[in-house]
Amino acid sequence: QVQVVESGGGLVQPGGSLRLSCAASRSIFSLSIMGWYRQAPGNQRELVATITSSGNTNYADSVKGRFTISRDNDKNTVYLQMNSLKPEDTAVYYCNAQLSFSGRNFWGQGTQVAVSS
């Protein structure tokens, strides 16, 4: 069974940092574009960042310069380092694995990030 499991969310003060982790099943990780998305209450789910199997990255304008996506192919894990966090970064963050050859998506259950003083 394919699994995508996030961890690392929590409550942080504005200006603080958090690192999210996402472990995916070995059977899909190396074949997938891995990404982080987020959804705030009342909003649609939006792209945060993606990374290809070869390490090419893409970021939403709102997080450029503050967030960094990376992947460890030996551990089948993708990370999202979030620095200089703002209240507007508050959302449920979802990990996504998209198979490069078919476009099929696998989603994690989400992890809550709250930025508040």
N, C-alpha and C. Protein backbone atom coordinates (compact mmCIF):
# COMPACT_ATOMS: atom_id res chain seq x y z
N GLN A 1 0.84 -1.18 0.00
CA GLN A 1 0.00 0.00 0.00
C GLN A 1 0.88 1.24 0.00
N VAL A 2 0.57 2.17 -0.90
CA VAL A 2 1.34 3.40 -1.01
C VAL A 2 1.00 4.31 0.16
N GLN A 3 2.05 4.87 0.78
CA GLN A 3 1.85 5.78 1.89
C GLN A 3 2.63 7.06 1.70
N VAL A 4 2.01 8.16 2.12
CA VAL A 4 2.65 9.47 2.16
C VAL A 4 2.31 10.04 3.53
N VAL A 5 3.33 10.26 4.36
CA VAL A 5 3.10 10.62 5.75
C VAL A 5 3.92 11.85 6.13
N GLU A 6 3.20 12.90 6.54
CA GLU A 6 3.86 14.14 6.96
C GLU A 6 4.09 14.16 8.46
N SER A 7 5.06 14.98 8.86
CA SER A 7 5.29 15.24 10.28
C SER A 7 6.00 16.57 10.42
N GLY A 8 5.97 17.13 11.64
CA GLY A 8 6.76 18.31 11.92
C GLY A 8 6.00 19.60 12.09
N GLY A 9 4.68 19.56 11.97
CA GLY A 9 3.92 20.79 12.16
C GLY A 9 3.88 21.21 13.62
N GLY A 10 3.29 22.38 13.86
CA GLY A 10 3.17 22.85 15.23
C GLY A 10 2.89 24.33 15.29
N LEU A 11 3.02 24.88 16.48
CA LEU A 11 2.79 26.30 16.72
C LEU A 11 4.14 27.01 16.85
N VAL A 12 4.27 28.11 16.15
CA VAL A 12 5.52 28.88 16.19
C VAL A 12 5.19 30.36 16.16
N GLN A 13 6.06 31.16 16.75
CA GLN A 13 5.86 32.60 16.75
C GLN A 13 6.27 33.20 15.41
N PRO A 14 5.71 34.33 15.06
CA PRO A 14 6.14 35.02 13.83
C PRO A 14 7.65 35.22 13.84
N GLY A 15 8.27 34.97 12.68
CA GLY A 15 9.71 35.07 12.57
C GLY A 15 10.44 33.79 12.87
N GLY A 16 9.72 32.81 13.39
CA GLY A 16 10.32 31.54 13.75
C GLY A 16 10.46 30.59 12.57
N SER A 17 10.93 29.38 12.89
CA SER A 17 11.20 28.38 11.86
C SER A 17 10.58 27.04 12.23
N LEU A 18 10.25 26.27 11.20
CA LEU A 18 9.80 24.89 11.36
C LEU A 18 10.32 24.10 10.19
N ARG A 19 10.51 22.79 10.40
CA ARG A 19 10.85 21.91 9.29
C ARG A 19 9.83 20.79 9.23
N LEU A 20 9.21 20.68 8.07
CA LEU A 20 8.27 19.60 7.82
C LEU A 20 8.99 18.46 7.10
N SER A 21 8.57 17.25 7.41
CA SER A 21 9.11 16.07 6.75
C SER A 21 7.97 15.27 6.14
N CYS A 22 8.27 14.57 5.07
CA CYS A 22 7.28 13.72 4.43
C CYS A 22 7.97 12.46 3.93
N ALA A 23 7.57 11.33 4.46
CA ALA A 23 8.10 10.05 4.02
C ALA A 23 7.10 9.39 3.08
N ALA A 24 7.59 8.94 1.94
CA ALA A 24 6.72 8.29 0.96
C ALA A 24 7.21 6.86 0.72
N SER A 25 6.31 6.03 0.24
CA SER A 25 6.66 4.65 -0.06
C SER A 25 7.77 4.60 -1.10
N ARG A 26 8.67 3.65 -0.89
CA ARG A 26 9.80 3.50 -1.80
C ARG A 26 9.35 3.29 -3.24
N SER A 27 8.21 2.62 -3.40
CA SER A 27 7.74 2.26 -4.74
C SER A 27 7.39 3.47 -5.60
N ILE A 28 7.14 4.62 -4.96
CA ILE A 28 6.74 5.78 -5.75
C ILE A 28 7.72 6.94 -5.63
N PHE A 29 8.52 6.98 -4.56
CA PHE A 29 9.29 8.19 -4.28
C PHE A 29 10.22 8.55 -5.44
N SER A 30 11.01 7.61 -5.92
CA SER A 30 11.99 7.93 -6.95
C SER A 30 11.35 8.26 -8.29
N LEU A 31 10.08 7.91 -8.45
CA LEU A 31 9.37 8.15 -9.71
C LEU A 31 8.54 9.41 -9.68
N SER A 32 8.60 10.14 -8.56
CA SER A 32 7.64 11.20 -8.35
C SER A 32 8.27 12.58 -8.25
N ILE A 33 7.48 13.55 -8.70
CA ILE A 33 7.70 14.93 -8.32
C ILE A 33 7.06 15.09 -6.94
N MET A 34 7.85 15.51 -5.97
CA MET A 34 7.33 15.67 -4.61
C MET A 34 7.00 17.14 -4.37
N GLY A 35 5.92 17.37 -3.67
CA GLY A 35 5.52 18.74 -3.45
C GLY A 35 4.86 18.96 -2.10
N TRP A 36 4.85 20.21 -1.70
CA TRP A 36 4.12 20.66 -0.52
C TRP A 36 3.04 21.64 -0.96
N TYR A 37 1.87 21.44 -0.43
CA TYR A 37 0.73 22.31 -0.67
C TYR A 37 0.19 22.72 0.70
N ARG A 38 -0.61 23.78 0.71
CA ARG A 38 -1.22 24.19 1.97
C ARG A 38 -2.64 24.69 1.73
N GLN A 39 -3.42 24.58 2.79
CA GLN A 39 -4.80 25.04 2.72
C GLN A 39 -5.16 25.72 4.03
N ALA A 40 -5.48 27.00 3.93
CA ALA A 40 -5.93 27.77 5.09
C ALA A 40 -7.45 27.73 5.14
N PRO A 41 -8.04 27.93 6.31
CA PRO A 41 -9.50 27.90 6.43
C PRO A 41 -10.16 28.86 5.46
N GLY A 42 -11.13 28.36 4.71
CA GLY A 42 -11.86 29.18 3.76
C GLY A 42 -11.17 29.39 2.43
N ASN A 43 -9.96 28.84 2.30
CA ASN A 43 -9.20 29.01 1.06
C ASN A 43 -9.04 27.69 0.33
N GLN A 44 -8.71 27.80 -0.95
CA GLN A 44 -8.40 26.61 -1.72
C GLN A 44 -6.98 26.14 -1.41
N ARG A 45 -6.75 24.86 -1.67
CA ARG A 45 -5.41 24.33 -1.50
C ARG A 45 -4.50 24.98 -2.53
N GLU A 46 -3.29 25.38 -2.11
CA GLU A 46 -2.38 26.06 -3.02
C GLU A 46 -0.99 25.43 -2.96
N LEU A 47 -0.30 25.57 -4.08
CA LEU A 47 1.06 25.06 -4.18
C LEU A 47 1.99 25.89 -3.31
N VAL A 48 2.88 25.22 -2.59
CA VAL A 48 3.94 25.89 -1.84
C VAL A 48 5.27 25.70 -2.57
N ALA A 49 5.63 24.44 -2.83
CA ALA A 49 6.91 24.15 -3.48
C ALA A 49 6.89 22.73 -4.03
N THR A 50 7.67 22.52 -5.09
CA THR A 50 7.84 21.18 -5.64
C THR A 50 9.31 20.92 -5.92
N ILE A 51 9.65 19.64 -6.00
CA ILE A 51 11.01 19.24 -6.33
C ILE A 51 10.96 17.96 -7.15
N THR A 52 11.70 17.96 -8.25
CA THR A 52 11.73 16.79 -9.10
C THR A 52 12.73 15.77 -8.57
N SER A 53 12.75 14.60 -9.16
CA SER A 53 13.67 13.55 -8.73
C SER A 53 15.12 13.95 -8.95
N SER A 54 15.35 14.86 -9.87
CA SER A 54 16.71 15.33 -10.14
C SER A 54 17.07 16.59 -9.36
N GLY A 55 16.11 17.08 -8.57
CA GLY A 55 16.40 18.20 -7.68
C GLY A 55 15.99 19.57 -8.16
N ASN A 56 15.29 19.66 -9.28
CA ASN A 56 14.80 20.96 -9.73
C ASN A 56 13.63 21.40 -8.85
N THR A 57 13.66 22.66 -8.44
CA THR A 57 12.67 23.16 -7.49
C THR A 57 11.82 24.27 -8.08
N ASN A 58 10.64 24.42 -7.49
CA ASN A 58 9.72 25.48 -7.88
C ASN A 58 9.02 25.96 -6.62
N TYR A 59 8.84 27.29 -6.47
CA TYR A 59 8.25 27.85 -5.27
C TYR A 59 7.14 28.83 -5.61
N ALA A 60 6.16 28.90 -4.74
CA ALA A 60 5.18 29.97 -4.83
C ALA A 60 5.87 31.28 -4.51
N ASP A 61 5.43 32.35 -5.14
CA ASP A 61 6.05 33.66 -4.91
C ASP A 61 6.00 34.06 -3.44
N SER A 62 4.95 33.66 -2.76
CA SER A 62 4.76 34.08 -1.38
C SER A 62 5.77 33.47 -0.41
N VAL A 63 6.46 32.41 -0.83
CA VAL A 63 7.41 31.76 0.07
C VAL A 63 8.86 31.82 -0.43
N LYS A 64 9.06 32.35 -1.61
CA LYS A 64 10.43 32.43 -2.14
C LYS A 64 11.34 33.20 -1.21
N GLY A 65 12.52 32.64 -0.99
CA GLY A 65 13.48 33.28 -0.10
C GLY A 65 13.29 32.94 1.37
N ARG A 66 12.16 32.31 1.71
CA ARG A 66 11.90 31.94 3.10
C ARG A 66 11.83 30.43 3.30
N PHE A 67 11.28 29.73 2.33
CA PHE A 67 11.11 28.28 2.41
C PHE A 67 12.08 27.58 1.47
N THR A 68 12.53 26.40 1.88
CA THR A 68 13.41 25.59 1.05
C THR A 68 12.91 24.14 1.05
N ILE A 69 12.70 23.62 -0.14
CA ILE A 69 12.30 22.22 -0.29
C ILE A 69 13.54 21.41 -0.66
N SER A 70 13.64 20.22 -0.10
CA SER A 70 14.75 19.33 -0.42
C SER A 70 14.27 17.89 -0.31
N ARG A 71 15.04 16.99 -0.87
CA ARG A 71 14.66 15.58 -0.79
C ARG A 71 15.89 14.73 -0.56
N ASP A 72 15.69 13.66 0.20
CA ASP A 72 16.72 12.67 0.45
C ASP A 72 16.25 11.38 -0.20
N ASN A 73 16.82 11.06 -1.34
CA ASN A 73 16.35 9.91 -2.10
C ASN A 73 16.70 8.58 -1.42
N ASP A 74 17.70 8.59 -0.57
CA ASP A 74 18.04 7.36 0.16
C ASP A 74 17.02 7.06 1.26
N LYS A 75 16.42 8.12 1.80
CA LYS A 75 15.45 7.97 2.89
C LYS A 75 14.01 8.08 2.41
N ASN A 76 13.82 8.28 1.10
CA ASN A 76 12.46 8.44 0.54
C ASN A 76 11.70 9.55 1.27
N THR A 77 12.39 10.63 1.55
CA THR A 77 11.81 11.70 2.35
C THR A 77 12.04 13.05 1.69
N VAL A 78 11.02 13.90 1.77
CA VAL A 78 11.13 15.27 1.30
C VAL A 78 10.92 16.19 2.50
N TYR A 79 11.61 17.30 2.49
CA TYR A 79 11.57 18.25 3.60
C TYR A 79 11.12 19.62 3.12
N LEU A 80 10.54 20.37 4.03
CA LEU A 80 10.24 21.77 3.78
C LEU A 80 10.75 22.56 4.97
N GLN A 81 11.84 23.28 4.76
CA GLN A 81 12.38 24.16 5.79
C GLN A 81 11.71 25.52 5.65
N MET A 82 11.05 25.94 6.71
CA MET A 82 10.29 27.18 6.68
C MET A 82 10.91 28.16 7.67
N ASN A 83 11.41 29.26 7.14
CA ASN A 83 12.03 30.30 7.97
C ASN A 83 11.23 31.59 7.85
N SER A 84 11.46 32.49 8.78
CA SER A 84 10.80 33.80 8.78
C SER A 84 9.29 33.64 8.63
N LEU A 85 8.73 32.77 9.39
CA LEU A 85 7.31 32.46 9.26
C LEU A 85 6.43 33.65 9.61
N LYS A 86 5.32 33.76 8.90
CA LYS A 86 4.37 34.84 9.06
C LYS A 86 3.01 34.26 9.46
N PRO A 87 2.17 35.05 10.08
CA PRO A 87 0.82 34.54 10.41
C PRO A 87 0.08 34.01 9.19
N GLU A 88 0.29 34.62 8.05
CA GLU A 88 -0.40 34.16 6.83
C GLU A 88 0.11 32.82 6.31
N ASP A 89 1.16 32.28 6.91
CA ASP A 89 1.61 30.93 6.58
C ASP A 89 0.80 29.86 7.33
N THR A 90 -0.04 30.30 8.23
CA THR A 90 -0.87 29.36 8.98
C THR A 90 -1.79 28.58 8.04
N ALA A 91 -1.72 27.27 8.11
CA ALA A 91 -2.51 26.41 7.22
C ALA A 91 -2.24 24.95 7.58
N VAL A 92 -3.02 24.08 6.98
CA VAL A 92 -2.69 22.66 6.98
C VAL A 92 -1.79 22.42 5.77
N TYR A 93 -0.65 21.82 6.00
CA TYR A 93 0.31 21.56 4.94
C TYR A 93 0.23 20.09 4.53
N TYR A 94 0.11 19.89 3.23
CA TYR A 94 -0.04 18.55 2.67
C TYR A 94 1.15 18.20 1.79
N CYS A 95 1.59 16.99 1.92
CA CYS A 95 2.63 16.46 1.05
C CYS A 95 1.98 15.73 -0.12
N ASN A 96 2.57 15.90 -1.29
CA ASN A 96 2.04 15.28 -2.50
C ASN A 96 3.15 14.56 -3.25
N ALA A 97 2.82 13.39 -3.75
CA ALA A 97 3.71 12.66 -4.65
C ALA A 97 2.98 12.49 -5.97
N GLN A 98 3.54 13.03 -7.02
CA GLN A 98 2.93 12.90 -8.35
C GLN A 98 3.83 12.07 -9.23
N LEU A 99 3.32 10.93 -9.67
CA LEU A 99 4.10 10.07 -10.55
C LEU A 99 4.41 10.80 -11.85
N SER A 100 5.67 10.84 -12.20
CA SER A 100 6.10 11.62 -13.37
C SER A 100 5.52 11.08 -14.67
N PHE A 101 5.33 9.75 -14.77
CA PHE A 101 4.92 9.16 -16.05
C PHE A 101 3.41 9.12 -16.24
N SER A 102 2.64 9.27 -15.15
CA SER A 102 1.19 9.15 -15.30
C SER A 102 0.44 10.36 -14.75
N GLY A 103 1.10 11.13 -13.88
CA GLY A 103 0.41 12.25 -13.26
C GLY A 103 -0.46 11.87 -12.08
N ARG A 104 -0.50 10.58 -11.74
CA ARG A 104 -1.31 10.15 -10.60
C ARG A 104 -0.75 10.75 -9.32
N ASN A 105 -1.68 11.20 -8.46
CA ASN A 105 -1.31 11.88 -7.23
C ASN A 105 -1.59 11.04 -6.00
N PHE A 106 -0.68 11.15 -5.05
CA PHE A 106 -0.86 10.55 -3.73
C PHE A 106 -0.68 11.65 -2.70
N TRP A 107 -1.62 11.72 -1.75
CA TRP A 107 -1.60 12.80 -0.76
C TRP A 107 -1.41 12.24 0.65
N GLY A 108 -0.73 13.04 1.47
CA GLY A 108 -0.66 12.73 2.88
C GLY A 108 -1.89 13.26 3.59
N GLN A 109 -1.92 13.03 4.89
CA GLN A 109 -3.10 13.41 5.68
C GLN A 109 -3.07 14.86 6.12
N GLY A 110 -1.94 15.50 5.99
CA GLY A 110 -1.80 16.91 6.37
C GLY A 110 -1.24 17.10 7.77
N THR A 111 -0.54 18.20 7.94
CA THR A 111 -0.01 18.56 9.26
C THR A 111 -0.25 20.06 9.46
N GLN A 112 -0.71 20.41 10.65
CA GLN A 112 -1.10 21.79 10.94
C GLN A 112 0.13 22.63 11.30
N VAL A 113 0.19 23.79 10.67
CA VAL A 113 1.20 24.80 11.02
C VAL A 113 0.45 26.06 11.44
N ALA A 114 0.74 26.54 12.63
CA ALA A 114 0.11 27.75 13.14
C ALA A 114 1.20 28.74 13.52
N VAL A 115 1.09 29.95 12.99
CA VAL A 115 2.05 31.01 13.27
C VAL A 115 1.32 32.11 14.02
N SER A 116 1.66 32.24 15.28
CA SER A 116 0.92 33.20 16.12
C SER A 116 1.77 33.57 17.33
N SER A 117 1.58 34.80 17.78
CA SER A 117 2.25 35.24 18.99
C SER A 117 1.36 35.03 20.21
